[in-house]
Amino acid sequence: MLYLLETKLPENKSVFFALTNVYGIGKNTAFLICKKLGFSVNLKTKNLTQEQIEELLQLVDSLNLTLNNELKKLRSLTLKTLISIKSYRGLRRVRGLPVRGQRTHTNAKSSRKGRRF
């Protein structure tokens, strides 16, 4: 296992798919990183050299991505802000109801489970 960007990356996967295990890096960002560094689609993480790993870290730093714990803190802070200003989305989140306008009359059983009346 390669420990990179506060995440354990599997050795037998390609670098493209291994980078998607990092919280905050999706397929598009992983593809962009691999393309800029000139990595093959088939390049496995166990075959990375030390220089390639350093290049990867430098590129991720230069992209100014918020990753892992920083991104999780930012998301929770955003949700706490919605709740504290008593916005509609915040109130729906507190009550455990669907936030994005879905109907609750017949559907949304999983999101309504926490309600007790």
Protein backbone atom coordinates (compact mmCIF):
# COMPACT_ATOMS: atom_id res chain seq x y z
CA MET A 1 0.00 0.00 0.00
CA LEU A 2 1.21 3.45 -0.96
CA TYR A 3 0.33 6.13 1.57
CA LEU A 4 -0.19 9.36 -0.35
CA LEU A 5 -2.26 12.48 0.33
CA GLU A 6 -3.43 11.13 3.72
CA THR A 7 -4.91 8.08 1.98
CA LYS A 8 -3.77 4.52 1.41
CA LEU A 9 -3.71 3.84 -2.30
CA PRO A 10 -4.05 0.21 -3.45
CA GLU A 11 -0.98 -1.16 -5.22
CA ASN A 12 -2.67 -3.35 -7.81
CA LYS A 13 -4.90 -0.59 -9.25
CA SER A 14 -3.94 1.88 -11.93
CA VAL A 15 -2.92 5.35 -10.79
CA PHE A 16 -6.06 6.83 -12.37
CA PHE A 17 -8.43 4.72 -10.28
CA ALA A 18 -6.23 4.82 -7.18
CA LEU A 19 -6.34 8.62 -7.13
CA THR A 20 -10.14 8.52 -7.01
CA ASN A 21 -9.84 6.92 -3.55
CA VAL A 22 -8.60 10.27 -2.23
CA TYR A 23 -11.52 12.25 -0.80
CA GLY A 24 -11.93 15.26 -3.08
CA ILE A 25 -10.44 13.79 -6.26
CA GLY A 26 -12.96 12.48 -8.75
CA LYS A 27 -12.51 10.89 -12.15
CA ASN A 28 -12.12 14.18 -14.02
CA THR A 29 -9.42 15.50 -11.69
CA ALA A 30 -7.62 12.15 -11.65
CA PHE A 31 -7.66 12.08 -15.46
CA LEU A 32 -6.30 15.63 -15.58
CA ILE A 33 -3.49 14.76 -13.16
CA CYS A 34 -2.51 11.62 -15.09
CA LYS A 35 -2.60 13.47 -18.40
CA LYS A 36 -0.43 16.34 -17.15
CA LEU A 37 2.15 13.94 -15.71
CA GLY A 38 2.09 11.71 -18.80
CA PHE A 39 1.08 8.56 -16.93
CA SER A 40 -0.29 5.66 -18.95
CA VAL A 41 -3.78 4.41 -18.18
CA ASN A 42 -2.27 1.00 -17.34
CA LEU A 43 0.42 2.31 -14.95
CA LYS A 44 -0.03 0.66 -11.56
CA THR A 45 0.71 2.44 -8.29
CA LYS A 46 3.30 -0.21 -7.35
CA ASN A 47 5.28 0.68 -10.49
CA LEU A 48 5.58 4.38 -9.60
CA THR A 49 9.13 5.62 -9.04
CA GLN A 50 10.04 8.03 -6.26
CA GLU A 51 10.45 10.87 -8.79
CA GLN A 52 6.97 10.23 -10.21
CA ILE A 53 5.48 10.28 -6.71
CA GLU A 54 7.19 13.60 -5.98
CA GLU A 55 5.91 15.04 -9.29
CA LEU A 56 2.41 13.87 -8.42
CA LEU A 57 2.53 15.55 -5.01
CA GLN A 58 3.87 18.79 -6.49
CA LEU A 59 1.12 18.86 -9.13
CA VAL A 60 -1.62 18.27 -6.56
CA ASP A 61 -0.18 21.09 -4.43
CA SER A 62 -0.05 23.42 -7.43
CA LEU A 63 -3.71 22.71 -8.31
CA ASN A 64 -4.78 24.08 -4.89
CA LEU A 65 -7.31 21.32 -4.27
CA THR A 66 -9.04 20.99 -0.92
CA LEU A 67 -8.74 17.34 0.02
CA ASN A 68 -9.60 14.91 2.81
CA ASN A 69 -10.04 16.49 6.24
CA GLU A 70 -10.08 20.08 4.98
CA LEU A 71 -12.90 19.29 2.56
CA LYS A 72 -14.86 17.40 5.21
CA LYS A 73 -14.52 20.34 7.62
CA LEU A 74 -15.61 22.75 4.90
CA ARG A 75 -18.71 20.65 4.11
CA SER A 76 -19.71 20.34 7.77
CA LEU A 77 -19.16 24.06 8.29
CA THR A 78 -21.40 24.82 5.31
CA LEU A 79 -24.15 22.58 6.70
CA LYS A 80 -23.84 24.15 10.15
CA THR A 81 -24.16 27.58 8.54
CA LEU A 82 -27.34 26.54 6.74
CA ILE A 83 -28.77 25.27 10.00
CA SER A 84 -27.73 28.33 12.02
CA ILE A 85 -29.28 30.86 9.60
CA LYS A 86 -32.45 28.74 9.59
CA SER A 87 -32.61 28.41 5.82
CA TYR A 88 -35.09 26.02 4.24
CA ARG A 89 -32.33 23.55 3.38
CA GLY A 90 -30.99 23.69 6.93
CA LEU A 91 -34.40 23.08 8.49
CA ARG A 92 -35.10 20.16 6.18
CA ARG A 93 -31.71 18.67 7.06
CA VAL A 94 -32.42 18.97 10.80
CA ARG A 95 -35.81 17.32 10.42
CA GLY A 96 -34.35 14.49 8.31
CA LEU A 97 -36.48 15.23 5.28
CA PRO A 98 -35.44 15.45 1.61
CA VAL A 99 -33.51 18.64 1.01
CA ARG A 100 -33.71 19.04 -2.76
CA GLY A 101 -37.44 19.22 -3.42
CA GLN A 102 -38.37 15.56 -3.65
CA ARG A 103 -41.90 14.57 -2.72
CA THR A 104 -42.54 12.96 0.65
CA HIS A 105 -46.18 11.96 0.34
CA THR A 106 -45.46 8.54 -1.13
CA ASN A 107 -41.70 8.29 -1.57
CA ALA A 108 -38.64 9.24 0.54
CA LYS A 109 -39.19 6.50 3.11
CA SER A 110 -35.48 6.25 3.92
CA SER A 111 -35.12 9.95 4.62
CA ARG A 112 -38.32 10.02 6.70
CA LYS A 113 -37.35 7.09 8.93
CA GLY A 114 -35.88 9.24 11.68
CA ARG A 115 -39.13 11.14 12.19
CA ARG A 116 -41.23 10.25 15.21
CA PHE A 117 -44.62 11.94 15.62
